Amino acid sequence: MQKRTMLHGLACAALAAAAGTAMRPAAAEGYPNRPIRWVVPWPPGGGADLMARIINTKAGEILGQPIVIDNRGGAAGNIGTQIGATAPADGYTITFGYSGTLAINPFVYPDTQWKQSDFESVIFLAKVPLTLVVNANLPVKNVKEFIALAKTRQLTFGSSGPGSINHLAGVLFASMTGANLLHVPYRGGGPAMNAVLGGQVDALFMVPVVAAPQLKGDKLRAIGVTSAKRTDVLPEVPTIAEAGVPGYEVSSWNGVMVPAGTPKDVIARLNAAFNKAMQDPQVRKGLAENGYDIEGGGPERFTQWVDSELAKWGPVVKRANLRPE
């Protein structure tokens, strides 16, 4: 009787193991065996779209299946991010995670239909700093002179919209320096750049690759970059920290996410492919030319970074009194 009971138990255990294997998401077996959709929550032609297209072809080659960009812009990135959050957790839909959507929107749009726990990290892709540029007619040549002038009178700074990274870069700068800065929002980076070129606003925080061509004329002056180290795009421009505001650091950043519950071996496969793709000489060249600093590493590194940025930007958003538009 004891032997029969033991054999019955072993048989049940074997059946349970087989059932567990059968119930695992199909993506974990032979992944990937069809194209992968990469949801980018911004329209074509923007910085997020550019970053994704620099790397998607090489990552797809490594995986053996194409990675197809699916641009889903709208609602400050929340529409596309929600699409990614509610996709099947099988590794065939990945989402472009961005500083605005992941670290700022949760405070500006508390009622979004997605939340941080809907995702798991795949990889930290890259960071790109901003450059503080001023209209050439403004009588300042460096960050210290800019701060000093902004303490004697109100200066204006443009942005690509309320809650954008270049808006909050200005809010953080003002809070750390005591500079009297008035925010003037525009509908995108292009109009904001035209405004500082035309003297409608005094200053602008803008990605170096956009600012660099404008510096060749006599209408704009770069006085600092927001990263912890100087950027190769504008190596002669000091960081804002070294120019007089210790501890100041702001960057736009991005990474890849998948829906929560995606098999760990699928996440590991994606992580390895993207890490390898970012070591490709052509990919590295494309990223460097556009001012991106490559990050990479394991999934947990991106999770830790997002957590630290949430802690950083929550108080800044509150200080700016941002509300959904």
Foldseek 3Di string as FASTA:
>chain_A
DVVVVVVVVVVVVVVVVVVVVVPPAPCLPPPPPEEAEEEEAADPPDPSNLLCVLQQQQLCVLRVYGYHYDYRYDQQSLRSVVVQLPDDLRLRYKYKFKCLVQQQCCQAPVPRPDDPQQKFFQKWWWWFWWWKKFWLPPPDAADVVQQVVQVVDEFEAEDLAPSDLFQLLVLVVCVQRVGRYDYDYDNGDVVRVVCRLVVVGTITTGTLLVVVVVVVDNTMHTHAIQAPAAFPSCNVHYHSCVRPRPPGHGIMTIGMIHTPPRDPVSSVSSLVSSLVSCVDPSSVVSCSSRRIDTDGDGRVVVVVVSVVSNVVCNVSCVVVVHYRD
